[in-house]
Amino acid sequence: MELILKKDVENLGFTDDVVTVKNGYGRNYLIPHGMAVLATPSARKVLDETLKQRAFKEKKVIDGAKEEAEKLNKLVEFKIAAKTGEADKLFGSVTNADLADALEKEGVTIDKKFISIAGGSIKRTGQYEATIRFHREVIETFTFDVVAEAN
């Protein structure tokens, strides 16, 4: 079954992509939740026209995303302070939301759902990597340190 995505769907595709999925997944989940529509010939024509109109606007969005990525790349030795116990274990954890908040304070605006930390959440101090998606074409790998909070 071919569908046109109306929203970004994790591990499937981005908005306005034409994807092939199993019938049940499309009929029972994607279409009822408003995430996709059937890829009929008329829907494809509408999609083509929409993509042509969006191409110019998309360039501006990509340029803005690249500017944010440049701000991110200028952050050298980025550290997040967290309360620790014995053996460098954290009280709680550092998540993508915490990283988004810390980056916001440094002037890099990114939504937490576009940040992916390898392994999910962080439970110990040390150096970690996160993949940050500013746009579907602008994806950066960011290295940061989790350090013990000074008491």
N, C-alpha and C. Protein backbone atom coordinates (compact mmCIF):
# COMPACT_ATOMS: atom_id res chain seq x y z
N MET A 1 0.85 -1.17 0.00
CA MET A 1 0.00 0.00 0.00
C MET A 1 0.89 1.23 0.00
N GLU A 2 0.67 2.13 -0.96
CA GLU A 2 1.45 3.37 -1.03
C GLU A 2 0.67 4.49 -0.38
N LEU A 3 1.39 5.24 0.49
CA LEU A 3 0.78 6.34 1.21
C LEU A 3 1.63 7.60 1.08
N ILE A 4 1.00 8.75 1.24
CA ILE A 4 1.71 10.03 1.31
C ILE A 4 1.63 10.47 2.76
N LEU A 5 2.79 10.65 3.38
CA LEU A 5 2.83 11.01 4.80
C LEU A 5 2.44 12.47 5.00
N LYS A 6 1.59 12.72 5.97
CA LYS A 6 1.18 14.09 6.32
C LYS A 6 1.96 14.62 7.52
N LYS A 7 2.61 13.72 8.27
CA LYS A 7 3.43 14.08 9.42
C LYS A 7 4.70 13.25 9.37
N ASP A 8 5.74 13.69 10.10
CA ASP A 8 6.94 12.87 10.24
C ASP A 8 6.58 11.65 11.06
N VAL A 9 6.98 10.47 10.58
CA VAL A 9 6.73 9.23 11.31
C VAL A 9 8.09 8.58 11.55
N GLU A 10 8.40 8.35 12.82
CA GLU A 10 9.69 7.78 13.20
C GLU A 10 9.92 6.45 12.50
N ASN A 11 11.11 6.25 11.98
CA ASN A 11 11.54 5.03 11.30
C ASN A 11 10.74 4.71 10.04
N LEU A 12 10.02 5.70 9.50
CA LEU A 12 9.27 5.48 8.26
C LEU A 12 9.57 6.55 7.24
N GLY A 13 9.41 7.82 7.60
CA GLY A 13 9.68 8.88 6.66
C GLY A 13 9.25 10.24 7.19
N PHE A 14 9.42 11.23 6.33
CA PHE A 14 9.12 12.61 6.69
C PHE A 14 7.85 13.06 5.99
N THR A 15 7.36 14.22 6.37
CA THR A 15 6.16 14.79 5.76
C THR A 15 6.32 14.86 4.25
N ASP A 16 5.26 14.50 3.54
CA ASP A 16 5.17 14.52 2.08
C ASP A 16 6.03 13.47 1.37
N ASP A 17 6.55 12.49 2.08
CA ASP A 17 7.24 11.37 1.45
C ASP A 17 6.19 10.36 0.99
N VAL A 18 6.46 9.70 -0.13
CA VAL A 18 5.61 8.60 -0.58
C VAL A 18 6.28 7.32 -0.09
N VAL A 19 5.56 6.56 0.75
CA VAL A 19 6.13 5.36 1.34
C VAL A 19 5.24 4.16 1.04
N THR A 20 5.84 2.99 1.08
CA THR A 20 5.10 1.74 0.92
C THR A 20 5.09 1.03 2.26
N VAL A 21 3.89 0.72 2.75
CA VAL A 21 3.74 0.04 4.03
C VAL A 21 2.79 -1.14 3.85
N LYS A 22 2.74 -1.97 4.86
CA LYS A 22 1.79 -3.08 4.83
C LYS A 22 0.37 -2.53 4.98
N ASN A 23 -0.58 -3.22 4.39
CA ASN A 23 -1.96 -2.75 4.37
C ASN A 23 -2.51 -2.47 5.76
N GLY A 24 -2.30 -3.35 6.70
CA GLY A 24 -2.85 -3.19 8.04
C GLY A 24 -2.29 -1.97 8.76
N TYR A 25 -0.99 -1.76 8.62
CA TYR A 25 -0.35 -0.61 9.28
C TYR A 25 -0.91 0.70 8.72
N GLY A 26 -1.07 0.75 7.41
CA GLY A 26 -1.61 1.95 6.79
C GLY A 26 -3.07 2.16 7.13
N ARG A 27 -3.87 1.13 6.98
CA ARG A 27 -5.32 1.24 7.15
C ARG A 27 -5.73 1.40 8.61
N ASN A 28 -5.02 0.72 9.52
CA ASN A 28 -5.44 0.71 10.92
C ASN A 28 -4.73 1.74 11.81
N TYR A 29 -3.60 2.26 11.35
CA TYR A 29 -2.87 3.19 12.21
C TYR A 29 -2.61 4.54 11.53
N LEU A 30 -1.89 4.53 10.40
CA LEU A 30 -1.45 5.78 9.80
C LEU A 30 -2.62 6.65 9.31
N ILE A 31 -3.54 6.07 8.57
CA ILE A 31 -4.64 6.86 8.01
C ILE A 31 -5.60 7.33 9.12
N PRO A 32 -6.05 6.48 10.04
CA PRO A 32 -6.96 6.96 11.09
C PRO A 32 -6.36 8.03 12.01
N HIS A 33 -5.06 8.00 12.22
CA HIS A 33 -4.41 8.98 13.07
C HIS A 33 -4.02 10.25 12.32
N GLY A 34 -4.40 10.34 11.05
CA GLY A 34 -4.12 11.54 10.26
C GLY A 34 -2.67 11.71 9.89
N MET A 35 -1.92 10.63 9.91
CA MET A 35 -0.50 10.70 9.59
C MET A 35 -0.23 10.49 8.10
N ALA A 36 -1.22 9.96 7.37
CA ALA A 36 -1.00 9.66 5.96
C ALA A 36 -2.33 9.63 5.21
N VAL A 37 -2.23 9.73 3.88
CA VAL A 37 -3.38 9.54 2.99
C VAL A 37 -2.95 8.60 1.87
N LEU A 38 -3.94 7.99 1.23
CA LEU A 38 -3.63 7.10 0.12
C LEU A 38 -2.97 7.86 -1.01
N ALA A 39 -2.02 7.23 -1.67
CA ALA A 39 -1.28 7.86 -2.76
C ALA A 39 -2.01 7.62 -4.08
N THR A 40 -3.18 8.23 -4.23
CA THR A 40 -3.95 8.13 -5.47
C THR A 40 -3.32 9.05 -6.51
N PRO A 41 -3.64 8.86 -7.79
CA PRO A 41 -3.08 9.75 -8.82
C PRO A 41 -3.39 11.24 -8.55
N SER A 42 -4.60 11.55 -8.11
CA SER A 42 -4.93 12.95 -7.85
C SER A 42 -4.15 13.48 -6.64
N ALA A 43 -3.96 12.64 -5.61
CA ALA A 43 -3.19 13.06 -4.44
C ALA A 43 -1.73 13.27 -4.82
N ARG A 44 -1.21 12.48 -5.75
CA ARG A 44 0.17 12.65 -6.21
C ARG A 44 0.34 13.97 -6.97
N LYS A 45 -0.65 14.34 -7.76
CA LYS A 45 -0.58 15.61 -8.50
C LYS A 45 -0.58 16.78 -7.52
N VAL A 46 -1.43 16.71 -6.52
CA VAL A 46 -1.47 17.75 -5.50
C VAL A 46 -0.14 17.82 -4.77
N LEU A 47 0.44 16.66 -4.45
CA LEU A 47 1.73 16.60 -3.78
C LEU A 47 2.82 17.23 -4.64
N ASP A 48 2.85 16.91 -5.93
CA ASP A 48 3.86 17.49 -6.82
C ASP A 48 3.76 19.01 -6.85
N GLU A 49 2.55 19.52 -6.94
CA GLU A 49 2.35 20.98 -6.97
C GLU A 49 2.80 21.61 -5.64
N THR A 50 2.46 20.97 -4.56
CA THR A 50 2.84 21.47 -3.23
C THR A 50 4.36 21.50 -3.09
N LEU A 51 5.02 20.43 -3.57
CA LEU A 51 6.49 20.37 -3.46
C LEU A 51 7.16 21.45 -4.30
N LYS A 52 6.59 21.76 -5.46
CA LYS A 52 7.16 22.82 -6.30
C LYS A 52 7.06 24.16 -5.58
N GLN A 53 5.91 24.41 -4.97
CA GLN A 53 5.72 25.69 -4.28
C GLN A 53 6.58 25.78 -3.03
N ARG A 54 6.81 24.66 -2.41
CA ARG A 54 7.56 24.65 -1.16
C ARG A 54 9.07 24.71 -1.37
N ALA A 55 9.56 24.40 -2.56
CA ALA A 55 11.00 24.32 -2.79
C ALA A 55 11.72 25.61 -2.40
N PHE A 56 11.16 26.75 -2.76
CA PHE A 56 11.80 28.02 -2.43
C PHE A 56 11.78 28.27 -0.93
N LYS A 57 10.64 28.02 -0.29
CA LYS A 57 10.53 28.22 1.16
C LYS A 57 11.46 27.26 1.90
N GLU A 58 11.60 26.07 1.37
CA GLU A 58 12.44 25.04 1.99
C GLU A 58 13.90 25.49 2.06
N LYS A 59 14.36 26.21 1.04
CA LYS A 59 15.74 26.68 1.03
C LYS A 59 15.99 27.62 2.20
N LYS A 60 15.05 28.49 2.50
CA LYS A 60 15.19 29.40 3.64
C LYS A 60 15.24 28.62 4.95
N VAL A 61 14.40 27.60 5.06
CA VAL A 61 14.37 26.79 6.27
C VAL A 61 15.69 26.04 6.45
N ILE A 62 16.22 25.50 5.36
CA ILE A 62 17.50 24.77 5.43
C ILE A 62 18.62 25.71 5.83
N ASP A 63 18.62 26.94 5.29
CA ASP A 63 19.65 27.92 5.65
C ASP A 63 19.56 28.25 7.14
N GLY A 64 18.35 28.41 7.66
CA GLY A 64 18.17 28.67 9.10
C GLY A 64 18.67 27.51 9.94
N ALA A 65 18.39 26.28 9.49
CA ALA A 65 18.86 25.10 10.21
C ALA A 65 20.38 25.01 10.20
N LYS A 66 20.99 25.38 9.09
CA LYS A 66 22.46 25.36 9.00
C LYS A 66 23.07 26.39 9.94
N GLU A 67 22.40 27.55 10.08
CA GLU A 67 22.89 28.57 11.01
C GLU A 67 22.87 28.04 12.44
N GLU A 68 21.78 27.37 12.82
CA GLU A 68 21.69 26.79 14.16
C GLU A 68 22.76 25.72 14.35
N ALA A 69 23.02 24.93 13.30
CA ALA A 69 24.06 23.89 13.39
C ALA A 69 25.44 24.52 13.57
N GLU A 70 25.67 25.67 12.92
CA GLU A 70 26.95 26.37 13.09
C GLU A 70 27.11 26.85 14.53
N LYS A 71 26.02 27.37 15.12
CA LYS A 71 26.08 27.78 16.53
C LYS A 71 26.45 26.59 17.41
N LEU A 72 25.87 25.44 17.09
CA LEU A 72 26.15 24.23 17.87
C LEU A 72 27.61 23.83 17.74
N ASN A 73 28.14 23.90 16.52
CA ASN A 73 29.53 23.50 16.29
C ASN A 73 30.52 24.42 16.98
N LYS A 74 30.12 25.66 17.27
CA LYS A 74 31.01 26.60 17.96
C LYS A 74 31.12 26.30 19.45
N LEU A 75 30.19 25.50 19.98
CA LEU A 75 30.24 25.15 21.40
C LEU A 75 31.28 24.05 21.61
N VAL A 76 32.42 24.43 22.15
CA VAL A 76 33.50 23.48 22.38
C VAL A 76 33.52 23.16 23.87
N GLU A 77 33.75 21.91 24.21
CA GLU A 77 33.79 21.45 25.60
C GLU A 77 32.51 21.84 26.33
N PHE A 78 31.40 21.40 25.82
CA PHE A 78 30.09 21.68 26.42
C PHE A 78 29.89 20.73 27.59
N LYS A 79 29.51 21.27 28.74
CA LYS A 79 29.36 20.46 29.95
C LYS A 79 27.97 20.65 30.54
N ILE A 80 27.42 19.56 31.04
CA ILE A 80 26.16 19.60 31.78
C ILE A 80 26.46 19.13 33.20
N ALA A 81 26.12 19.97 34.18
CA ALA A 81 26.38 19.62 35.58
C ALA A 81 25.17 18.88 36.12
N ALA A 82 25.44 17.81 36.88
CA ALA A 82 24.37 17.02 37.48
C ALA A 82 24.80 16.55 38.86
N LYS A 83 23.84 16.36 39.75
CA LYS A 83 24.15 15.87 41.09
C LYS A 83 24.58 14.42 41.00
N THR A 84 25.65 14.11 41.73
CA THR A 84 26.18 12.75 41.67
C THR A 84 26.28 12.15 43.07
N GLY A 85 26.32 10.83 43.08
CA GLY A 85 26.52 10.09 44.31
C GLY A 85 27.88 9.42 44.24
N GLU A 86 27.96 8.27 44.85
CA GLU A 86 29.23 7.55 44.84
C GLU A 86 29.45 6.86 43.49
N ALA A 87 30.70 6.70 43.13
CA ALA A 87 31.13 6.04 41.89
C ALA A 87 30.59 6.74 40.65
N ASP A 88 30.51 8.07 40.70
CA ASP A 88 30.09 8.88 39.56
C ASP A 88 28.69 8.56 39.04
N LYS A 89 27.85 7.96 39.84
CA LYS A 89 26.47 7.72 39.44
C LYS A 89 25.67 8.99 39.67
N LEU A 90 24.75 9.27 38.75
CA LEU A 90 23.92 10.46 38.87
C LEU A 90 22.69 10.17 39.71
N PHE A 91 22.22 11.20 40.42
CA PHE A 91 20.91 11.14 41.06
C PHE A 91 19.92 11.46 39.95
N GLY A 92 19.17 10.50 39.50
CA GLY A 92 18.30 10.70 38.35
C GLY A 92 19.07 10.42 37.09
N SER A 93 18.80 11.19 36.05
CA SER A 93 19.50 10.98 34.78
C SER A 93 19.50 12.28 33.97
N VAL A 94 20.33 12.31 32.95
CA VAL A 94 20.35 13.42 32.00
C VAL A 94 19.68 12.91 30.73
N THR A 95 18.63 13.60 30.29
CA THR A 95 17.86 13.17 29.12
C THR A 95 17.99 14.20 28.01
N ASN A 96 17.33 13.88 26.90
CA ASN A 96 17.35 14.82 25.77
C ASN A 96 16.70 16.15 26.14
N ALA A 97 15.73 16.16 27.06
CA ALA A 97 15.10 17.41 27.50
C ALA A 97 16.12 18.27 28.26
N ASP A 98 16.94 17.64 29.11
CA ASP A 98 17.97 18.38 29.84
C ASP A 98 19.00 18.97 28.89
N LEU A 99 19.37 18.20 27.87
CA LEU A 99 20.32 18.69 26.88
C LEU A 99 19.71 19.85 26.09
N ALA A 100 18.44 19.75 25.73
CA ALA A 100 17.76 20.83 25.00
C ALA A 100 17.73 22.11 25.84
N ASP A 101 17.46 21.99 27.15
CA ASP A 101 17.44 23.15 28.04
C ASP A 101 18.83 23.79 28.14
N ALA A 102 19.85 22.96 28.27
CA ALA A 102 21.22 23.47 28.39
C ALA A 102 21.66 24.16 27.10
N LEU A 103 21.27 23.60 25.96
CA LEU A 103 21.62 24.24 24.68
C LEU A 103 20.86 25.54 24.50
N GLU A 104 19.63 25.60 24.99
CA GLU A 104 18.82 26.82 24.90
C GLU A 104 19.51 27.97 25.63
N LYS A 105 20.11 27.67 26.78
CA LYS A 105 20.83 28.69 27.55
C LYS A 105 22.05 29.21 26.80
N GLU A 106 22.59 28.38 25.91
CA GLU A 106 23.76 28.78 25.12
C GLU A 106 23.37 29.42 23.79
N GLY A 107 22.07 29.53 23.52
CA GLY A 107 21.62 30.22 22.31
C GLY A 107 21.30 29.31 21.14
N VAL A 108 21.30 28.00 21.35
CA VAL A 108 20.95 27.06 20.28
C VAL A 108 19.54 26.53 20.57
N THR A 109 18.59 26.91 19.72
CA THR A 109 17.20 26.52 19.94
C THR A 109 16.92 25.22 19.19
N ILE A 110 16.53 24.19 19.94
CA ILE A 110 16.18 22.90 19.32
C ILE A 110 15.15 22.22 20.21
N ASP A 111 14.17 21.61 19.59
CA ASP A 111 13.14 20.89 20.34
C ASP A 111 13.71 19.56 20.81
N LYS A 112 13.30 19.14 22.02
CA LYS A 112 13.86 17.91 22.60
C LYS A 112 13.57 16.67 21.77
N LYS A 113 12.48 16.66 20.99
CA LYS A 113 12.17 15.46 20.22
C LYS A 113 13.12 15.26 19.04
N PHE A 114 13.92 16.28 18.72
CA PHE A 114 14.88 16.15 17.64
C PHE A 114 16.28 15.82 18.14
N ILE A 115 16.40 15.53 19.43
CA ILE A 115 17.68 15.15 20.02
C ILE A 115 17.62 13.68 20.38
N SER A 116 18.62 12.94 19.94
CA SER A 116 18.68 11.51 20.23
C SER A 116 20.02 11.20 20.90
N ILE A 117 19.96 10.82 22.18
CA ILE A 117 21.17 10.46 22.91
C ILE A 117 21.37 8.96 22.78
N ALA A 118 22.58 8.56 22.41
CA ALA A 118 22.88 7.14 22.28
C ALA A 118 22.65 6.45 23.62
N GLY A 119 21.80 5.44 23.63
CA GLY A 119 21.51 4.71 24.86
C GLY A 119 20.35 5.30 25.64
N GLY A 120 19.70 6.32 25.14
CA GLY A 120 18.54 6.90 25.83
C GLY A 120 18.92 7.95 26.84
N SER A 121 18.89 7.60 28.11
CA SER A 121 19.23 8.57 29.15
C SER A 121 20.59 8.23 29.75
N ILE A 122 21.21 9.24 30.34
CA ILE A 122 22.57 9.11 30.87
C ILE A 122 22.50 8.97 32.38
N LYS A 123 23.20 7.96 32.93
CA LYS A 123 23.15 7.69 34.36
C LYS A 123 24.49 7.86 35.07
N ARG A 124 25.56 8.14 34.31
CA ARG A 124 26.89 8.32 34.90
C ARG A 124 27.57 9.54 34.29
N THR A 125 28.57 10.05 34.99
CA THR A 125 29.35 11.16 34.44
C THR A 125 30.25 10.63 33.33
N GLY A 126 30.65 11.49 32.45
CA GLY A 126 31.54 11.10 31.36
C GLY A 126 31.19 11.84 30.08
N GLN A 127 31.82 11.40 28.99
CA GLN A 127 31.60 12.04 27.70
C GLN A 127 30.59 11.23 26.90
N TYR A 128 29.63 11.92 26.26
CA TYR A 128 28.56 11.28 25.50
C TYR A 128 28.35 11.99 24.19
N GLU A 129 27.65 11.28 23.28
CA GLU A 129 27.31 11.85 21.98
C GLU A 129 25.81 11.88 21.81
N ALA A 130 25.34 12.92 21.14
CA ALA A 130 23.93 13.02 20.81
C ALA A 130 23.82 13.38 19.33
N THR A 131 22.79 12.87 18.69
CA THR A 131 22.51 13.22 17.31
C THR A 131 21.37 14.23 17.33
N ILE A 132 21.62 15.38 16.72
CA ILE A 132 20.63 16.46 16.73
C ILE A 132 20.19 16.74 15.30
N ARG A 133 18.87 16.68 15.09
CA ARG A 133 18.31 16.90 13.75
C ARG A 133 17.65 18.28 13.72
N PHE A 134 18.29 19.20 13.00
CA PHE A 134 17.74 20.54 12.83
C PHE A 134 16.73 20.56 11.69
N HIS A 135 16.97 19.70 10.71
CA HIS A 135 16.13 19.58 9.52
C HIS A 135 16.42 18.21 8.95
N ARG A 136 15.56 17.73 8.07
CA ARG A 136 15.80 16.39 7.54
C ARG A 136 17.12 16.29 6.79
N GLU A 137 17.65 17.43 6.31
CA GLU A 137 18.92 17.42 5.59
C GLU A 137 20.08 17.94 6.44
N VAL A 138 19.80 18.45 7.64
CA VAL A 138 20.84 19.00 8.51
C VAL A 138 20.82 18.23 9.83
N ILE A 139 21.72 17.25 9.93
CA ILE A 139 21.82 16.41 11.12
C ILE A 139 23.26 16.51 11.62
N GLU A 140 23.41 16.82 12.91
CA GLU A 140 24.74 16.99 13.49
C GLU A 140 24.94 16.01 14.64
N THR A 141 26.19 15.58 14.82
CA THR A 141 26.57 14.78 15.97
C THR A 141 27.27 15.72 16.95
N PHE A 142 26.80 15.71 18.18
CA PHE A 142 27.28 16.66 19.19
C PHE A 142 27.86 15.89 20.37
N THR A 143 29.07 16.24 20.78
CA THR A 143 29.74 15.60 21.90
C THR A 143 29.68 16.53 23.11
N PHE A 144 29.32 15.99 24.25
CA PHE A 144 29.23 16.80 25.46
C PHE A 144 29.65 15.96 26.66
N ASP A 145 29.96 16.66 27.76
CA ASP A 145 30.40 16.00 28.99
C ASP A 145 29.34 16.17 30.07
N VAL A 146 29.13 15.14 30.83
CA VAL A 146 28.29 15.22 32.04
C VAL A 146 29.27 15.21 33.20
N VAL A 147 29.24 16.27 34.00
CA VAL A 147 30.19 16.41 35.10
C VAL A 147 29.44 16.52 36.42
N ALA A 148 30.16 16.26 37.51
CA ALA A 148 29.58 16.37 38.86
C ALA A 148 29.35 17.83 39.19
N GLU A 149 28.18 18.10 39.78
CA GLU A 149 27.83 19.46 40.17
C GLU A 149 28.69 19.88 41.34
N ALA A 150 29.25 21.09 41.29
CA ALA A 150 30.08 21.60 42.40
C ALA A 150 29.19 21.96 43.57
N ASN A 151 29.52 21.43 44.74
CA ASN A 151 28.70 21.68 45.94
C ASN A 151 29.21 22.86 46.71
